[in-house]
């Protein structure tokens, strides 16, 4: 690492700025890499292109980074298998057959509970919760905007609190690549300090329990009470004919195809940590364990399908490749972000920022500022994972220079990224929530924003108090 100077902050700031302006995260990260390689070298700008490319290739020399990239693709294949071959439809049918919902409040609690229990991946959580609950919300005249808010508030906020899923694997991998000695311990320590995620879930529960309708949500509820599912000029994200079609159970659909692979995934994760840690869960390899777990889950899903003759091996492979391709953009963002993190580390970016912060910013304000900066980036680019990849390496370098609590800094980044993603109209999870609830997208954003801002305000205060206590 070279002696840190002010130019060391240019690559990540350039990547962040371009991502905000262009919303092209991969291209923005590429420019940041090129700038970092130029600053590390002594040649002209064109000569920096080759080392910038090498920095991407060098990511694969780290087994942990490579495993998480492979995992990202495999989880896409698993999700596609479960969705396309009837696991989700079978699970929905199972819940409906039990007749567990008898009124509007129970319909809302069902959506909430589904978001909490199905924590494998945020988008599949949204789709399952929306598909299960939407007919019940319409029947009991609860607004679709409220459904979109409930499932959105219990997808990413729950996923980021669970270490045994795709989110946990990505976060642990980013921590490991940032030089954190015990990334799993740091992540677990951040769970109870992840204030936005906690407040988002708690506020949602209070809204259901006491029927709290704020601002635009109150108008949406009044409209739905009269039998109008949407505003006159609204454009639902899903055609009504498609909604009817997806609710029709097909022959061979079974909840088993969803429940058993998910259980296999959850149970395999701690087993992998136990094996790779030589009997110590906290010493295990997170990237290895989660890759093993998702491969076990995929093998279980394929075994169920082949045993029931639901599909051929050729069909399963086609579904896997299609699902993996669907998450290829996420894998690319992670690849370039990991490379930028390595370059920033070589430049001493975190050390310089830490020194500057120590001299100019009161320690009690550092955490709220980190929370708000992460939120601004996530809101602007519409990606919590992209924000993780940009901000976690930077935050951990600051931690190393200041020698402070790693978990609370990680929590500030995670909270800010999830808040920005939750409130952003261009976020994939916000769009999928609107689609799953079959509501107008802008109506969802407008009705959800007051609740997101309330949770963010509480989180900012909590981080300020944490800064006074822990820093």
Protein backbone atom coordinates (compact mmCIF):
# COMPACT_ATOMS: atom_id res chain seq x y z
CA UNK A 1 0.00 0.00 0.00
CA UNK A 2 1.33 3.42 -0.94
CA UNK A 3 1.24 6.41 1.38
CA UNK A 4 -2.37 7.68 1.35
CA UNK A 5 -2.95 11.11 -0.21
CA UNK A 6 -6.06 12.99 -1.26
CA UNK A 7 -6.01 11.47 -4.75
CA UNK A 8 -6.72 8.05 -3.21
CA UNK A 9 -10.41 8.97 -2.83
CA UNK A 10 -10.82 9.79 -6.53
CA UNK A 11 -11.47 6.20 -7.83
CA UNK A 12 -14.35 5.31 -5.45
CA UNK A 13 -15.83 8.83 -5.64
CA UNK A 14 -15.64 8.73 -9.44
CA UNK A 15 -17.35 5.32 -9.49
CA UNK A 16 -20.06 6.52 -7.09
CA UNK A 17 -20.65 9.76 -8.99
CA UNK A 18 -20.88 8.07 -12.38
CA UNK A 19 -23.18 5.37 -10.98
CA UNK A 20 -25.53 8.07 -9.65
CA UNK A 21 -25.53 10.05 -12.91
CA UNK A 22 -25.63 7.18 -15.41
CA UNK A 23 -27.18 4.39 -13.27
CA UNK A 24 -24.72 2.11 -15.08
CA UNK A 25 -22.98 0.50 -12.12
CA UNK A 26 -20.63 -1.83 -14.02
CA UNK A 27 -19.45 0.90 -16.39
CA UNK A 28 -18.96 3.29 -13.46
CA UNK A 29 -16.92 0.74 -11.53
CA UNK A 30 -14.80 0.13 -14.63
CA UNK A 31 -13.93 3.83 -14.89
CA UNK A 32 -13.06 3.85 -11.17
CA UNK A 33 -10.76 0.86 -11.72
CA UNK A 34 -9.02 2.58 -14.61
CA UNK A 35 -8.50 5.73 -12.55
CA UNK A 36 -7.11 3.68 -9.64
CA UNK A 37 -4.71 1.83 -11.93
CA UNK A 38 -3.55 5.15 -13.39
CA UNK A 39 -2.89 6.57 -9.92
CA UNK A 40 -1.01 3.43 -8.87
CA UNK A 41 1.19 3.53 -11.96
CA UNK A 42 3.51 6.10 -13.42
CA UNK A 43 2.57 5.89 -17.09
CA UNK A 44 0.04 7.65 -19.24
CA UNK A 45 -3.73 7.05 -19.00
CA UNK A 46 -3.74 4.53 -21.85
CA UNK A 47 -1.07 2.46 -20.10
CA UNK A 48 -3.42 2.06 -17.11
CA UNK A 49 -5.96 0.05 -19.12
CA UNK A 50 -3.96 -3.20 -18.91
CA UNK A 51 -3.43 -3.15 -15.11
CA UNK A 52 -7.11 -2.23 -14.69
CA UNK A 53 -8.09 -5.35 -16.61
CA UNK A 54 -5.60 -7.40 -14.58
CA UNK A 55 -7.20 -6.13 -11.35
CA UNK A 56 -10.48 -7.75 -12.44
CA UNK A 57 -8.75 -11.01 -13.36
CA UNK A 58 -6.88 -11.03 -10.05
CA UNK A 59 -10.16 -11.25 -8.16
CA UNK A 60 -10.30 -14.90 -9.20
CA UNK A 61 -6.99 -15.57 -7.42
CA UNK A 62 -8.89 -15.26 -4.14
CA UNK A 63 -10.84 -18.51 -3.56
CA UNK A 64 -13.37 -16.78 -1.30
CA UNK A 65 -14.21 -14.14 -3.91
CA UNK A 66 -14.49 -16.77 -6.63
CA UNK A 67 -16.81 -18.92 -4.51
CA UNK A 68 -19.23 -16.07 -3.89
CA UNK A 69 -19.34 -15.26 -7.61
CA UNK A 70 -20.13 -18.89 -8.42
CA UNK A 71 -22.70 -18.96 -5.61
CA UNK A 72 -24.49 -15.96 -7.10
CA UNK A 73 -25.03 -17.85 -10.34
CA UNK A 74 -26.05 -21.12 -8.65
CA UNK A 75 -28.68 -19.43 -6.49
CA UNK A 76 -30.22 -18.04 -9.68
CA UNK A 77 -30.52 -21.57 -11.04
CA UNK A 78 -32.10 -22.80 -7.80
CA UNK A 79 -34.69 -20.02 -7.76
CA UNK A 80 -35.62 -20.68 -11.41
CA UNK A 81 -36.06 -24.40 -10.71
CA UNK A 82 -38.35 -23.82 -7.73
CA UNK A 83 -40.43 -21.17 -9.50
CA UNK A 84 -40.88 -22.70 -12.93
CA UNK A 85 -41.61 -26.29 -11.83
CA UNK A 86 -44.43 -25.49 -9.43
CA UNK A 87 -42.82 -25.20 -6.02
CA UNK A 88 -44.13 -21.68 -5.43
CA UNK A 89 -47.63 -22.47 -6.77
CA UNK A 90 -47.79 -25.59 -4.62
CA UNK A 91 -46.81 -23.63 -1.53
CA UNK A 92 -49.49 -21.03 -2.24
CA UNK A 93 -52.13 -23.75 -2.69
CA UNK A 94 -51.12 -25.38 0.60
CA UNK A 95 -51.67 -22.16 2.54
CA UNK A 96 -54.98 -21.47 0.85
CA UNK A 97 -56.28 -24.98 1.55
CA UNK A 98 -55.64 -24.52 5.29
CA UNK A 99 -57.99 -21.51 5.32
CA UNK A 100 -55.85 -19.70 7.87
CA UNK A 101 -57.03 -16.20 6.90
CA UNK A 102 -60.51 -15.06 7.93
CA UNK A 103 -60.26 -11.25 7.90
CA UNK A 104 -58.29 -8.20 6.75
CA UNK A 105 -55.88 -8.16 9.71
CA UNK A 106 -54.99 -11.83 9.28
CA UNK A 107 -54.42 -11.24 5.58
CA UNK A 108 -51.86 -8.57 6.46
CA UNK A 109 -50.20 -10.78 9.07
CA UNK A 110 -49.94 -13.58 6.49
CA UNK A 111 -48.08 -11.26 4.12
CA UNK A 112 -45.85 -10.13 6.99
CA UNK A 113 -45.14 -13.67 8.20
CA UNK A 114 -44.34 -14.89 4.69
CA UNK A 115 -41.82 -12.09 4.27
CA UNK A 116 -40.18 -13.04 7.57
CA UNK A 117 -40.11 -16.80 7.04
CA UNK A 118 -39.06 -16.94 3.37
CA UNK A 119 -35.66 -15.27 3.67
CA UNK A 120 -33.76 -17.12 0.95
CA UNK A 121 -33.67 -14.13 -1.43
CA UNK A 122 -35.50 -10.80 -1.48
CA UNK A 123 -37.19 -11.04 -4.88
CA UNK A 124 -38.50 -14.56 -4.38
CA UNK A 125 -39.76 -13.43 -0.97
CA UNK A 126 -41.70 -10.61 -2.64
CA UNK A 127 -43.15 -12.84 -5.33
CA UNK A 128 -44.25 -15.56 -2.91
CA UNK A 129 -45.75 -13.16 -0.37
CA UNK A 130 -47.52 -11.18 -3.08
CA UNK A 131 -48.94 -14.20 -4.85
CA UNK A 132 -50.22 -15.70 -1.60
CA UNK A 133 -51.70 -12.54 -0.14
CA UNK A 134 -53.02 -10.49 -3.08
CA UNK A 135 -56.30 -12.40 -3.54
CA UNK A 136 -56.95 -12.16 0.19
CA UNK A 137 -56.23 -8.42 0.28
CA UNK A 138 -58.68 -7.88 -2.58
CA UNK A 139 -61.31 -10.03 -0.89
CA UNK A 140 -61.10 -8.18 2.42
CA UNK A 141 -60.66 -4.74 0.80
CA UNK A 142 -57.15 -3.97 1.99
CA UNK A 143 -55.30 -1.79 -0.51
CA UNK A 144 -52.77 -3.32 -2.85
CA UNK A 145 -50.47 -0.41 -1.98
CA UNK A 146 -50.47 -1.66 1.60
CA UNK A 147 -49.65 -5.17 0.42
CA UNK A 148 -46.73 -3.80 -1.62
CA UNK A 149 -45.48 -1.89 1.44
CA UNK A 150 -45.74 -4.89 3.78
CA UNK A 151 -43.91 -7.31 1.51
CA UNK A 152 -41.28 -4.69 0.61
CA UNK A 153 -40.67 -3.91 4.30
CA UNK A 154 -40.16 -7.60 5.11
CA UNK A 155 -38.02 -8.70 2.16
CA UNK A 156 -34.66 -6.92 2.03
CA UNK A 157 -34.79 -5.83 5.71
CA UNK A 158 -35.26 -9.45 6.80
CA UNK A 159 -32.76 -10.87 4.27
CA UNK A 160 -30.01 -8.50 5.45
CA UNK A 161 -30.50 -9.67 9.05
CA UNK A 162 -30.02 -13.37 8.21
CA UNK A 163 -26.50 -14.76 7.69
CA UNK A 164 -27.76 -18.00 6.10
CA UNK A 165 -28.79 -16.72 2.68
CA UNK A 166 -27.49 -15.00 -0.44
CA UNK A 167 -27.26 -11.62 1.28
CA UNK A 168 -25.17 -13.03 4.11
CA UNK A 169 -22.82 -14.73 1.67
CA UNK A 170 -22.22 -11.53 -0.27
CA UNK A 171 -21.64 -9.45 2.86
CA UNK A 172 -19.29 -12.00 4.44
CA UNK A 173 -17.34 -12.27 1.18
CA UNK A 174 -16.95 -8.48 0.93
CA UNK A 175 -15.75 -8.37 4.53
CA UNK A 176 -13.24 -11.15 3.91
CA UNK A 177 -11.90 -9.47 0.78
CA UNK A 178 -11.53 -6.25 2.81
CA UNK A 179 -9.09 -7.97 5.16
CA UNK A 180 -11.47 -8.55 8.09
CA UNK A 181 -10.10 -11.46 10.14
CA UNK A 182 -13.44 -12.86 11.41
CA UNK A 183 -16.04 -11.71 8.86
CA UNK A 184 -18.81 -13.95 10.20
CA UNK A 185 -18.33 -12.62 13.74
CA UNK A 186 -18.40 -9.04 12.45
CA UNK A 187 -21.60 -9.70 10.49
CA UNK A 188 -23.31 -11.40 13.42
CA UNK A 189 -22.29 -8.49 15.64
CA UNK A 190 -23.88 -6.08 13.15
CA UNK A 191 -27.28 -7.82 13.19
CA UNK A 192 -28.56 -6.12 16.36
CA UNK A 193 -27.01 -2.81 15.28
CA UNK A 194 -28.66 -2.85 11.84
CA UNK A 195 -31.14 -0.24 12.98
CA UNK A 196 -32.92 0.56 9.73
CA UNK A 197 -33.72 -3.08 8.98
CA UNK A 198 -34.95 -3.61 12.55
CA UNK A 199 -37.06 -0.45 12.62
CA UNK A 200 -38.50 -1.15 9.15
CA UNK A 201 -39.81 -4.53 10.33
CA UNK A 202 -41.03 -3.18 13.69
CA UNK A 203 -42.78 -0.19 12.11
CA UNK A 204 -44.48 -2.53 9.64
CA UNK A 205 -45.72 -4.72 12.51
CA UNK A 206 -47.09 -1.65 14.34
CA UNK A 207 -48.83 -0.50 11.16
CA UNK A 208 -50.62 -3.84 10.89
CA UNK A 209 -51.39 -4.14 14.60
CA UNK A 210 -52.88 -0.67 14.99
CA UNK A 211 -54.00 0.00 11.42
CA UNK A 212 -51.72 3.03 11.01
CA UNK A 213 -52.32 4.66 7.62
CA UNK A 214 -50.15 7.71 6.93
CA UNK A 215 -50.65 10.25 4.14
CA UNK A 216 -51.19 8.66 0.70
CA UNK A 217 -51.76 5.24 2.28
CA UNK A 218 -54.85 6.58 4.07
CA UNK A 219 -56.32 7.69 0.74
CA UNK A 220 -55.53 4.32 -0.82
CA UNK A 221 -57.27 2.52 2.04
CA UNK A 222 -60.38 4.71 1.72
CA UNK A 223 -60.52 4.05 -2.02
CA UNK A 224 -60.19 0.27 -1.56
CA UNK A 225 -62.93 0.27 1.09
CA UNK A 226 -65.35 1.43 -1.64
CA UNK A 227 -64.37 -1.52 -3.84
CA UNK A 228 -61.92 0.32 -6.13
CA UNK A 229 -58.68 -1.69 -6.25
CA UNK A 230 -56.72 0.99 -8.13
CA UNK A 231 -56.89 4.71 -8.83
CA UNK A 232 -58.67 5.56 -12.13
CA UNK A 233 -55.47 6.45 -14.01
CA UNK A 234 -53.27 3.84 -12.34
CA UNK A 235 -51.35 1.26 -14.37
CA UNK A 236 -50.87 -2.02 -12.48
CA UNK A 237 -47.53 -3.76 -12.97
CA UNK A 238 -49.27 -7.04 -13.84
CA UNK A 239 -52.08 -7.69 -16.32
CA UNK A 240 -55.20 -9.06 -14.53
CA UNK A 241 -55.35 -12.07 -16.87
CA UNK A 242 -51.83 -13.03 -15.85
CA UNK A 243 -52.79 -12.83 -12.18
CA UNK A 244 -55.62 -15.27 -12.74
CA UNK A 245 -53.35 -17.60 -14.71
CA UNK A 246 -50.57 -17.72 -12.11
CA UNK A 247 -53.04 -18.61 -9.36
CA UNK A 248 -54.24 -21.68 -11.26
CA UNK A 249 -52.62 -24.74 -9.82
CA UNK A 250 -51.18 -27.12 -12.37
CA UNK A 251 -50.95 -30.87 -12.18
CA UNK A 252 -47.80 -31.86 -10.34
CA UNK A 253 -47.32 -28.59 -8.45
CA UNK A 254 -46.13 -29.35 -4.94
CA UNK A 255 -45.08 -27.32 -1.94
CA UNK A 256 -42.47 -30.02 -1.35
CA UNK A 257 -40.38 -28.62 -4.19
CA UNK A 258 -40.05 -25.36 -2.31
CA UNK A 259 -40.07 -26.39 1.34
CA UNK A 260 -37.52 -29.23 1.24
CA UNK A 261 -34.81 -27.44 -0.82
CA UNK A 262 -35.12 -24.33 1.36
CA UNK A 263 -34.78 -26.46 4.49
CA UNK A 264 -31.78 -28.21 2.95
CA UNK A 265 -30.21 -24.82 2.23
CA UNK A 266 -30.76 -23.51 5.75
CA UNK A 267 -29.57 -26.69 7.49
CA UNK A 268 -26.54 -27.17 5.25
CA UNK A 269 -25.13 -23.74 6.00
CA UNK A 270 -24.24 -24.32 9.70
CA UNK A 271 -23.08 -27.83 8.84
CA UNK A 272 -20.67 -26.37 6.31
CA UNK A 273 -19.43 -23.84 8.87
CA UNK A 274 -18.91 -26.68 11.37
CA UNK A 275 -16.93 -28.77 8.87
CA UNK A 276 -14.77 -25.94 7.46
CA UNK A 277 -14.17 -24.57 10.96
CA UNK A 278 -12.95 -27.91 12.34
CA UNK A 279 -15.83 -28.07 14.80
CA UNK A 280 -15.99 -24.31 15.47
CA UNK A 281 -18.88 -22.57 13.69
CA UNK A 282 -17.34 -19.12 14.08
CA UNK A 283 -14.07 -20.27 12.49
CA UNK A 284 -15.74 -21.75 9.40
CA UNK A 285 -15.53 -20.39 5.87
CA UNK A 286 -18.70 -18.47 5.02
CA UNK A 287 -18.09 -18.48 1.27
CA UNK A 288 -17.39 -22.23 1.21
CA UNK A 289 -20.33 -23.09 3.45
CA UNK A 290 -22.90 -21.08 1.56
CA UNK A 291 -21.72 -22.47 -1.79
CA UNK A 292 -21.99 -26.01 -0.43
CA UNK A 293 -25.43 -25.22 0.98
CA UNK A 294 -26.90 -23.89 -2.25
CA UNK A 295 -25.42 -26.82 -4.21
CA UNK A 296 -27.02 -29.24 -1.74
CA UNK A 297 -30.35 -27.41 -2.10
CA UNK A 298 -30.10 -27.54 -5.89
CA UNK A 299 -29.29 -31.27 -5.79
CA UNK A 300 -32.28 -31.88 -3.52
CA UNK A 301 -34.59 -29.91 -5.83
CA UNK A 302 -33.37 -31.80 -8.88
CA UNK A 303 -33.80 -35.14 -7.10
CA UNK A 304 -37.41 -34.29 -6.21
CA UNK A 305 -38.17 -33.23 -9.78
CA UNK A 306 -36.55 -36.28 -11.39
CA UNK A 307 -38.14 -38.70 -8.90
CA UNK A 308 -41.59 -37.27 -9.63
CA UNK A 309 -40.85 -37.16 -13.37
CA UNK A 310 -41.89 -33.51 -13.40
CA UNK A 311 -39.12 -32.65 -15.88
CA UNK A 312 -36.19 -34.21 -17.67
CA UNK A 313 -32.53 -33.64 -16.89
CA UNK A 314 -32.24 -31.56 -20.06
CA UNK A 315 -35.10 -29.28 -18.93
CA UNK A 316 -33.51 -28.88 -15.50
CA UNK A 317 -30.21 -27.83 -17.06
CA UNK A 318 -31.96 -25.31 -19.31
CA UNK A 319 -33.77 -23.84 -16.30
CA UNK A 320 -30.52 -23.68 -14.34
CA UNK A 321 -28.71 -21.82 -17.12
CA UNK A 322 -31.63 -19.42 -17.55
CA UNK A 323 -31.76 -18.72 -13.82
CA UNK A 324 -27.99 -18.28 -13.58
CA UNK A 325 -28.13 -15.88 -16.50
CA UNK A 326 -30.75 -13.84 -14.67
CA UNK A 327 -28.27 -13.11 -11.87
CA UNK A 328 -25.27 -12.56 -14.14
CA UNK A 329 -25.55 -8.72 -13.83
CA UNK A 330 -25.34 -9.06 -10.03
CA UNK A 331 -22.26 -11.29 -10.34
CA UNK A 332 -20.64 -8.76 -12.68
CA UNK A 333 -21.28 -5.91 -10.25
CA UNK A 334 -19.72 -7.95 -7.46
CA UNK A 335 -16.70 -8.84 -9.61
CA UNK A 336 -15.91 -5.24 -10.52
CA UNK A 337 -16.65 -4.00 -7.00
CA UNK A 338 -14.27 -6.51 -5.46
CA UNK A 339 -11.59 -5.38 -7.91
CA UNK A 340 -12.21 -1.71 -7.05
CA UNK A 341 -11.96 -2.58 -3.35
CA UNK A 342 -8.53 -4.13 -3.94
CA UNK A 343 -7.36 -1.04 -5.83
CA UNK A 344 -8.70 1.31 -3.15
CA UNK A 345 -6.88 -0.75 -0.53
CA UNK A 346 -3.63 -0.46 -2.50
CA UNK A 347 -4.11 3.31 -2.71
CA UNK A 348 -4.81 3.58 1.02
CA UNK A 349 -8.22 5.21 0.45
CA UNK A 350 -9.67 4.07 3.74
CA UNK A 351 -6.63 5.18 5.72
CA UNK A 352 -6.77 8.66 4.19
CA UNK A 353 -10.54 9.01 4.77
CA UNK A 354 -10.12 7.79 8.34
CA UNK A 355 -7.37 10.31 9.03
CA UNK A 356 -9.49 13.08 7.52
CA UNK A 357 -12.55 12.01 9.50
CA UNK A 358 -10.57 11.81 12.71
CA UNK A 359 -9.33 15.36 12.24
CA UNK A 360 -12.50 17.06 10.97
CA UNK A 361 -15.62 15.03 11.87
CA UNK A 362 -16.81 14.37 15.44
CA UNK A 363 -16.90 10.62 16.06
CA UNK A 364 -20.57 10.80 17.11
CA UNK A 365 -21.51 12.08 13.63
CA UNK A 366 -19.43 9.56 11.65
CA UNK A 367 -21.97 6.71 11.81
CA UNK A 368 -25.02 8.80 10.80
CA UNK A 369 -23.02 10.26 7.90
CA UNK A 370 -21.99 6.77 6.76
CA UNK A 371 -25.64 5.68 7.00
CA UNK A 372 -26.86 8.66 4.94
CA UNK A 373 -24.10 8.35 2.33
CA UNK A 374 -24.89 4.67 1.79
CA UNK A 375 -28.59 5.52 1.58
CA UNK A 376 -27.97 8.24 -1.00
CA UNK A 377 -25.91 5.91 -3.19
CA UNK A 378 -28.44 3.06 -2.98
CA UNK A 379 -31.35 5.42 -3.70
CA UNK A 380 -29.56 6.84 -6.71
CA UNK A 381 -28.39 3.59 -8.30
CA UNK A 382 -31.29 1.42 -7.09
CA UNK A 383 -29.08 -1.38 -5.77
CA UNK A 384 -28.35 -2.35 -2.18
CA UNK A 385 -25.83 -5.01 -3.24
CA UNK A 386 -24.03 -2.52 -5.47
CA UNK A 387 -23.85 -0.14 -2.51
CA UNK A 388 -22.55 -2.94 -0.26
CA UNK A 389 -19.77 -3.62 -2.72
CA UNK A 390 -18.79 0.05 -2.95
CA UNK A 391 -19.12 1.03 0.72
CA UNK A 392 -18.15 -2.04 2.77
CA UNK A 393 -14.47 -2.09 1.69
CA UNK A 394 -14.24 1.67 2.30
CA UNK A 395 -15.89 1.39 5.73
CA UNK A 396 -13.61 -1.47 6.78
CA UNK A 397 -10.52 0.50 5.78
CA UNK A 398 -11.75 3.36 7.98
CA UNK A 399 -12.27 0.87 10.82
CA UNK A 400 -8.73 -0.44 10.41
CA UNK A 401 -7.24 3.04 10.59
CA UNK A 402 -9.34 4.23 13.55
CA UNK A 403 -9.27 0.87 15.40
CA UNK A 404 -12.96 1.03 16.30
CA UNK A 405 -15.91 -1.38 16.40
CA UNK A 406 -16.21 -3.07 12.98
CA UNK A 407 -19.77 -4.29 13.45
CA UNK A 408 -21.37 -0.89 14.02
CA UNK A 409 -19.67 0.54 10.91
CA UNK A 410 -20.86 -2.44 8.89
CA UNK A 411 -24.37 -1.98 10.31
CA UNK A 412 -24.39 1.69 9.25
CA UNK A 413 -23.52 0.72 5.66
CA UNK A 414 -26.05 -2.13 5.55
CA UNK A 415 -28.80 0.02 7.04
CA UNK A 416 -28.17 2.89 4.66
CA UNK A 417 -28.04 0.63 1.61
CA UNK A 418 -31.30 -1.11 2.51
CA UNK A 419 -33.06 2.20 3.24
CA UNK A 420 -31.96 3.74 -0.06
CA UNK A 421 -32.96 0.59 -1.92
CA UNK A 422 -36.30 0.47 -0.07
CA UNK A 423 -37.18 4.06 -0.99
CA UNK A 424 -35.78 4.14 -4.54
CA UNK A 425 -38.24 3.99 -7.44
CA UNK A 426 -35.55 2.41 -9.66
CA UNK A 427 -34.69 -0.40 -7.24
CA UNK A 428 -35.40 -3.91 -8.49
CA UNK A 429 -36.99 -4.88 -5.17
CA UNK A 430 -39.31 -1.85 -5.26
CA UNK A 431 -40.34 -2.71 -8.81
CA UNK A 432 -40.86 -6.41 -7.97
CA UNK A 433 -42.94 -5.41 -4.91
CA UNK A 434 -45.23 -3.36 -7.16
CA UNK A 435 -45.44 -6.27 -9.59
CA UNK A 436 -46.13 -8.85 -6.87
CA UNK A 437 -48.94 -6.67 -5.45
CA UNK A 438 -50.27 -5.83 -8.95
CA UNK A 439 -50.35 -2.13 -8.13
CA UNK A 440 -49.19 1.03 -9.85
CA UNK A 441 -45.45 1.43 -9.25
CA UNK A 442 -45.48 5.16 -8.48
CA UNK A 443 -48.44 4.68 -6.13
CA UNK A 444 -46.38 2.08 -4.25
CA UNK A 445 -43.39 4.43 -3.99
CA UNK A 446 -45.57 7.32 -2.77
CA UNK A 447 -47.44 5.31 -0.14
CA UNK A 448 -44.34 3.52 1.15
CA UNK A 449 -42.05 6.54 1.45
CA UNK A 450 -43.49 8.01 4.71
CA UNK A 451 -42.96 4.70 6.52
CA UNK A 452 -39.43 4.33 5.11
CA UNK A 453 -38.55 7.89 6.18
CA UNK A 454 -39.92 7.23 9.68
CA UNK A 455 -37.77 4.11 10.04
CA UNK A 456 -34.74 5.96 8.63
CA UNK A 457 -35.19 8.82 11.10
CA UNK A 458 -35.26 6.40 14.01
CA UNK A 459 -32.18 4.62 12.61
CA UNK A 460 -30.22 7.88 12.23
CA UNK A 461 -30.91 8.77 15.87
CA UNK A 462 -29.87 5.27 16.94
CA UNK A 463 -26.58 5.52 15.01
CA UNK A 464 -25.90 8.94 16.55
CA UNK A 465 -26.39 7.49 20.05
CA UNK A 466 -24.24 4.46 19.12
CA UNK A 467 -21.47 6.81 18.01
CA UNK A 468 -21.54 8.53 21.40
CA UNK A 469 -21.34 5.19 23.20
CA UNK A 470 -19.08 3.05 21.02
CA UNK A 471 -16.65 5.48 19.39
